[in-house]
Amino acid sequence: MSVSLKLEKLHQAFSEKCLERTGRLPVIEHDEAWPSPCEQGDVDEQGLIQWRAAPQQPKGSLNDLANALALNFPEELSVLFGHLYAGNLLVRIDDHHIELLQAWNEDDFSRLQQNITGHVLMKRKLKQPETVFMGLTEQDDLLITVLVESGEVCLEYVGKKPHHVLANSISEFLDKVTV
């Protein structure tokens, strides 16, 4: 199964779990100046809006960024961030609660690329293997990253080298996570 299909199925499972628990789709704080094609319905009394993953048209790509950084990103990375507009996914793998990052809108996809650039440049300055972050854990300083050279999904403390491989690829990672 393709990474895009796995991602769609993960979003579907996340939405269904939210519906089951709360009677609503996932919600996020609404920001009028930060609209997204995945917003659903009206803003509620608490200022929250429901969302459902929506296809990016055209699909986002990290190829230009990779070329600018003189890197070869795993193709799965472009799919992870450039296939859907969505809120972040709350998932689990092993004993870790993870917030899997997603692009909310086109501007967020651009901002994500700027943050990836800063992260890669920091790794170079520290003379560490280049990684791209893809998620956050319950620990403020512990990231989920993709090791650019191998495509492995790893745990990495901010400013440190990756120290634990969670999956050999983004595809395998998506197979392992649960909502």
Protein backbone atom coordinates (compact mmCIF):
# COMPACT_ATOMS: atom_id res chain seq x y z
CA MET A 1 0.00 0.00 0.00
CA SER A 2 1.31 3.47 -0.87
CA VAL A 3 2.30 6.04 1.73
CA SER A 4 -0.48 8.35 0.48
CA LEU A 5 -3.11 5.64 1.02
CA LYS A 6 -1.68 4.75 4.44
CA LEU A 7 -1.81 8.42 5.42
CA GLU A 8 -5.41 8.73 4.23
CA LYS A 9 -6.38 5.62 6.23
CA LEU A 10 -4.63 6.98 9.33
CA HIS A 11 -6.52 10.26 9.02
CA GLN A 12 -9.77 8.33 8.57
CA ALA A 13 -9.09 6.27 11.71
CA PHE A 14 -8.20 9.42 13.67
CA SER A 15 -11.41 11.17 12.54
CA GLU A 16 -13.52 8.13 13.39
CA LYS A 17 -11.96 7.88 16.86
CA CYS A 18 -12.68 11.56 17.50
CA LEU A 19 -16.28 11.10 16.32
CA GLU A 20 -16.65 8.06 18.57
CA ARG A 21 -15.21 9.83 21.64
CA THR A 22 -16.70 13.31 21.21
CA GLY A 23 -19.41 13.13 18.56
CA ARG A 24 -17.37 15.53 16.43
CA LEU A 25 -14.54 15.46 13.94
CA PRO A 26 -11.13 16.56 15.27
CA VAL A 27 -11.14 20.20 16.34
CA ILE A 28 -8.60 22.97 16.30
CA GLU A 29 -8.64 26.57 17.48
CA HIS A 30 -10.03 28.64 14.62
CA ASP A 31 -7.91 31.43 13.22
CA GLU A 32 -9.72 33.58 10.66
CA ALA A 33 -6.39 34.68 9.20
CA TRP A 34 -5.19 31.06 8.79
CA PRO A 35 -7.95 29.28 6.80
CA SER A 36 -7.64 25.72 5.54
CA PRO A 37 -9.50 23.65 2.96
CA CYS A 38 -9.91 20.98 5.63
CA GLU A 39 -12.13 23.13 7.89
CA GLN A 40 -15.62 21.67 8.35
CA GLY A 41 -18.74 23.50 9.50
CA ASP A 42 -18.91 26.57 11.70
CA VAL A 43 -16.78 27.82 14.57
CA ASP A 44 -18.25 26.70 17.92
CA GLU A 45 -18.77 28.72 21.13
CA GLN A 46 -15.23 27.89 22.32
CA GLY A 47 -13.71 29.21 19.09
CA LEU A 48 -12.96 25.71 17.74
CA ILE A 49 -13.57 24.39 14.25
CA GLN A 50 -13.82 20.80 13.11
CA TRP A 51 -11.50 19.55 10.39
CA ARG A 52 -11.13 16.63 8.01
CA ALA A 53 -8.03 15.96 5.90
CA ALA A 54 -8.35 17.43 2.38
CA PRO A 55 -6.18 16.71 -0.67
CA GLN A 56 -3.52 19.26 -1.54
CA GLN A 57 -4.07 20.51 -5.10
CA PRO A 58 -1.54 20.50 -6.59
CA LYS A 59 0.39 18.04 -4.44
CA GLY A 60 3.14 19.60 -2.37
CA SER A 61 6.74 18.57 -2.98
CA LEU A 62 9.95 18.98 -1.05
CA ASN A 63 12.09 18.43 -4.16
CA ASP A 64 12.99 22.12 -4.62
CA LEU A 65 13.96 22.35 -0.95
CA ALA A 66 16.05 19.19 -1.21
CA ASN A 67 17.81 20.57 -4.29
CA ALA A 68 18.48 23.89 -2.53
CA LEU A 69 20.00 22.00 0.40
CA ALA A 70 21.90 19.64 -1.96
CA LEU A 71 20.15 16.63 -0.41
CA ASN A 72 18.09 13.70 -1.64
CA PHE A 73 15.07 13.48 0.65
CA PRO A 74 13.25 10.17 0.78
CA GLU A 75 10.29 10.52 -1.63
CA GLU A 76 7.96 9.45 1.21
CA LEU A 77 8.73 12.74 2.96
CA SER A 78 7.06 14.77 0.19
CA VAL A 79 4.00 12.52 0.44
CA LEU A 80 3.86 12.85 4.24
CA PHE A 81 3.77 16.65 4.09
CA GLY A 82 2.47 17.32 0.57
CA HIS A 83 -0.44 14.91 0.08
CA LEU A 84 -3.09 16.32 2.45
CA TYR A 85 -3.95 19.51 4.28
CA ALA A 86 -4.85 18.60 7.85
CA GLY A 87 -4.39 19.23 11.51
CA ASN A 88 -1.69 17.28 13.30
CA LEU A 89 -2.44 13.64 14.10
CA LEU A 90 -2.22 12.29 17.64
CA VAL A 91 -0.89 8.74 17.41
CA ARG A 92 1.07 6.16 19.37
CA ILE A 93 4.06 4.00 18.58
CA ASP A 94 5.65 1.71 21.13
CA ASP A 95 5.31 3.64 24.40
CA HIS A 96 5.36 7.08 22.80
CA HIS A 97 2.50 9.51 22.27
CA ILE A 98 3.26 11.42 19.08
CA GLU A 99 1.92 14.49 17.38
CA LEU A 100 2.53 13.75 13.69
CA LEU A 101 2.97 17.07 11.92
CA GLN A 102 0.85 17.95 8.92
CA ALA A 103 0.47 21.09 6.77
CA TRP A 104 -2.72 23.04 7.58
CA ASN A 105 -2.67 25.15 4.40
CA GLU A 106 -0.33 26.30 1.63
CA ASP A 107 1.32 28.92 3.85
CA ASP A 108 1.88 26.28 6.56
CA PHE A 109 3.53 24.01 3.98
CA SER A 110 5.90 26.90 3.12
CA ARG A 111 6.58 27.56 6.80
CA LEU A 112 7.25 23.86 7.35
CA GLN A 113 9.88 23.99 4.60
CA GLN A 114 11.53 26.99 6.27
CA ASN A 115 11.64 25.11 9.57
CA ILE A 116 13.09 22.03 7.84
CA THR A 117 15.79 24.25 6.32
CA GLY A 118 16.69 25.64 9.75
CA HIS A 119 16.78 22.13 11.24
CA VAL A 120 19.05 20.76 8.47
CA LEU A 121 21.41 23.75 8.75
CA MET A 122 21.57 23.25 12.54
CA LYS A 123 22.45 19.56 12.02
CA ARG A 124 25.23 20.58 9.60
CA LYS A 125 26.61 23.13 12.04
CA LEU A 126 26.66 20.45 14.75
CA LYS A 127 28.33 18.06 12.27
CA GLN A 128 25.56 15.51 12.80
CA PRO A 129 23.69 13.34 10.30
CA GLU A 130 21.01 15.38 8.51
CA THR A 131 17.47 14.71 9.65
CA VAL A 132 14.02 16.14 8.97
CA PHE A 133 11.56 16.36 11.85
CA MET A 134 8.13 14.87 11.31
CA GLY A 135 6.62 14.73 14.77
CA LEU A 136 6.76 15.70 18.42
CA THR A 137 6.60 13.49 21.48
CA GLU A 138 5.27 14.05 25.00
CA GLN A 139 8.80 15.23 25.91
CA ASP A 140 9.45 18.80 24.79
CA ASP A 141 12.98 18.07 23.56
CA LEU A 142 12.35 14.68 21.91
CA LEU A 143 11.52 14.69 18.19
CA ILE A 144 10.47 12.11 15.64
CA THR A 145 12.81 12.57 12.69
CA VAL A 146 13.68 10.99 9.36
CA LEU A 147 17.35 10.28 8.80
CA VAL A 148 17.87 11.73 5.32
CA GLU A 149 20.59 9.28 4.27
CA SER A 150 18.64 6.09 5.09
CA GLY A 151 14.98 7.15 5.37
CA GLU A 152 14.77 5.60 8.86
CA VAL A 153 12.31 7.15 11.31
CA CYS A 154 14.09 7.86 14.58
CA LEU A 155 13.83 9.39 18.02
CA GLU A 156 16.15 12.37 18.38
CA TYR A 157 16.73 14.81 21.22
CA VAL A 158 17.01 18.42 20.03
CA GLY A 159 20.65 19.15 19.20
CA LYS A 160 21.67 15.48 19.40
CA LYS A 161 22.13 12.64 16.94
CA PRO A 162 19.20 10.24 16.42
CA HIS A 163 19.47 7.57 19.10
CA HIS A 164 16.69 5.04 18.41
CA VAL A 165 15.18 3.74 15.16
CA LEU A 166 11.38 3.40 15.33
CA ALA A 167 10.93 2.19 11.74
CA ASN A 168 13.04 1.61 8.64
CA SER A 169 10.89 4.00 6.56
CA ILE A 170 7.93 6.37 6.76
CA SER A 171 5.81 3.64 5.20
CA GLU A 172 6.78 1.18 7.95
CA PHE A 173 6.25 3.90 10.57
CA LEU A 174 2.70 4.51 9.31
CA ASP A 175 2.06 0.75 9.53
CA LYS A 176 3.18 0.73 13.18
CA VAL A 177 1.36 3.77 14.58
CA THR A 178 -2.09 3.55 16.15
CA VAL A 179 -4.68 6.20 16.96
